[in-house]
C-alpha atoms as a PDB file:
ATOM      1  CA  MET A   1      92.888 331.555 170.506  1.00  0.00           C
ATOM      2  CA  THR A   2      96.393 332.101 171.816  1.00  0.00           C
ATOM      3  CA  TYR A   3      96.788 332.212 175.448  1.00  0.00           C
ATOM      4  CA  VAL A   4      99.262 333.920 177.788  1.00  0.00           C
ATOM      5  CA  TYR A   5      99.485 332.268 180.949  1.00  0.00           C
ATOM      6  CA  ILE A   6     101.210 332.280 184.444  1.00  0.00           C
ATOM      7  CA  LEU A   7     101.919 329.430 186.476  1.00  0.00           C
ATOM      8  CA  THR A   8     102.808 329.091 190.189  1.00  0.00           C
ATOM      9  CA  SER A   9     105.065 326.307 191.621  1.00  0.00           C
ATOM     10  CA  ALA A  10     103.624 324.229 194.475  1.00  0.00           C
ATOM     11  CA  GLU A  11     107.495 323.608 195.547  1.00  0.00           C
ATOM     12  CA  LEU A  12     107.815 327.359 195.592  1.00  0.00           C
ATOM     13  CA  PRO A  13     104.855 329.453 195.814  1.00  0.00           C
ATOM     14  CA  ASP A  14     106.503 332.609 195.313  1.00  0.00           C
ATOM     15  CA  TYR A  15     108.126 331.308 191.884  1.00  0.00           C
ATOM     16  CA  ASN A  16     106.032 331.962 188.764  1.00  0.00           C
ATOM     17  CA  TYR A  17     106.519 331.030 185.165  1.00  0.00           C
ATOM     18  CA  VAL A  18     105.046 332.933 182.186  1.00  0.00           C
ATOM     19  CA  GLY A  19     104.269 331.231 178.926  1.00  0.00           C
ATOM     20  CA  VAL A  20     102.420 331.446 175.641  1.00  0.00           C
ATOM     21  CA  THR A  21     100.596 328.490 174.003  1.00  0.00           C
ATOM     22  CA  GLY A  22      97.512 327.651 171.826  1.00  0.00           C
ATOM     23  CA  ASP A  23      96.227 325.007 173.840  1.00  0.00           C
ATOM     24  CA  LEU A  24      96.405 325.607 177.736  1.00  0.00           C
ATOM     25  CA  LYS A  25      95.330 322.154 179.069  1.00  0.00           C
ATOM     26  CA  VAL A  26      97.926 320.202 177.180  1.00  0.00           C
ATOM     27  CA  ARG A  27     100.383 322.690 178.134  1.00  0.00           C
ATOM     28  CA  LEU A  28      99.892 322.769 181.739  1.00  0.00           C
ATOM     29  CA  ALA A  29     100.107 318.695 181.725  1.00  0.00           C
ATOM     30  CA  LYS A  30     103.192 319.005 179.791  1.00  0.00           C
ATOM     31  CA  HIS A  31     104.649 321.246 182.575  1.00  0.00           C
ATOM     32  CA  ASN A  32     103.316 318.922 185.467  1.00  0.00           C
ATOM     33  CA  ALA A  33     104.645 315.884 183.302  1.00  0.00           C
ATOM     34  CA  LYS A  34     108.102 317.713 183.534  1.00  0.00           C
ATOM     35  CA  GLU A  35     108.455 317.552 179.700  1.00  0.00           C
ATOM     36  CA  ALA A  36     109.308 321.397 179.865  1.00  0.00           C
ATOM     37  CA  PRO A  37     113.073 321.744 180.561  1.00  0.00           C
ATOM     38  CA  HIS A  38     112.807 325.467 182.173  1.00  0.00           C
ATOM     39  CA  THR A  39     109.964 324.330 184.650  1.00  0.00           C
ATOM     40  CA  SER A  40     110.822 320.608 185.336  1.00  0.00           C
ATOM     41  CA  LYS A  41     112.345 320.934 188.772  1.00  0.00           C
ATOM     42  CA  TYR A  42     109.777 323.276 190.154  1.00  0.00           C
ATOM     43  CA  ALA A  43     106.942 320.918 189.359  1.00  0.00           C
ATOM     44  CA  PRO A  44     104.244 320.538 190.047  1.00  0.00           C
ATOM     45  CA  TRP A  45     102.428 323.594 188.676  1.00  0.00           C
ATOM     46  CA  SER A  46      99.019 325.509 188.966  1.00  0.00           C
ATOM     47  CA  LEU A  47      97.244 327.763 186.807  1.00  0.00           C
ATOM     48  CA  LYS A  48      97.538 331.462 188.465  1.00  0.00           C
ATOM     49  CA  THR A  49      95.773 333.132 185.651  1.00  0.00           C
ATOM     50  CA  TYR A  50      95.620 333.312 181.806  1.00  0.00           C
ATOM     51  CA  ILE A  51      94.644 335.819 179.188  1.00  0.00           C
ATOM     52  CA  ALA A  52      93.133 335.068 175.832  1.00  0.00           C
ATOM     53  CA  PHE A  53      94.204 337.065 172.696  1.00  0.00           C
ATOM     54  CA  SER A  54      92.624 336.363 168.949  1.00  0.00           C
ATOM     55  CA  ASP A  55      95.815 337.827 167.578  1.00  0.00           C
ATOM     56  CA  GLU A  56      99.018 335.807 168.334  1.00  0.00           C
ATOM     57  CA  ALA A  57     101.494 338.707 167.752  1.00  0.00           C
ATOM     58  CA  GLN A  58      99.670 340.489 170.464  1.00  0.00           C
ATOM     59  CA  ALA A  59      99.849 337.303 172.888  1.00  0.00           C
ATOM     60  CA  PHE A  60     103.959 337.015 172.259  1.00  0.00           C
ATOM     61  CA  ALA A  61     104.374 340.818 172.690  1.00  0.00           C
ATOM     62  CA  PHE A  62     102.153 340.451 176.124  1.00  0.00           C
ATOM     63  CA  GLU A  63     104.516 337.535 177.127  1.00  0.00           C
ATOM     64  CA  LYS A  64     107.507 339.453 176.658  1.00  0.00           C
ATOM     65  CA  TYR A  65     106.084 342.184 178.790  1.00  0.00           C
ATOM     66  CA  LEU A  66     105.299 340.078 181.599  1.00  0.00           C
ATOM     67  CA  LYS A  67     108.977 338.650 181.466  1.00  0.00           C
ATOM     68  CA  SER A  68     110.145 342.410 181.800  1.00  0.00           C
ATOM     69  CA  GLY A  69     110.865 344.134 185.117  1.00  0.00           C
ATOM     70  CA  SER A  70     107.695 346.560 184.969  1.00  0.00           C
ATOM     71  CA  GLY A  71     105.511 343.522 183.693  1.00  0.00           C
ATOM     72  CA  ARG A  72     106.609 341.193 186.391  1.00  0.00           C
ATOM     73  CA  ALA A  73     105.877 344.419 188.666  1.00  0.00           C
ATOM     74  CA  PHE A  74     102.450 344.731 186.722  1.00  0.00           C
ATOM     75  CA  ALA A  75     101.509 340.913 187.158  1.00  0.00           C
ATOM     76  CA  LYS A  76     102.360 340.919 190.930  1.00  0.00           C
ATOM     77  CA  LYS A  77     100.301 343.737 191.694  1.00  0.00           C
ATOM     78  CA  ARG A  78      97.424 343.056 189.273  1.00  0.00           C
ATOM     79  CA  LEU A  79      97.180 339.578 188.208  1.00  0.00           C
END
């Protein structure tokens, strides 16, 4: 399974991060250990939501969509 996830920063509650991974628990631990350069300054993180995909290509396409303007609006309203 491939997971698309949304994290919320404890430092800035309105700040979210969207990513994709094959192992959700390990990836969240890396974000909170400040091993991911894009998210290190906003740690600690909590998992807001995730969606599992059996097709990796679909997961990456959905992540790309969530990072677009209309995808952010969708996530804010629906997820």
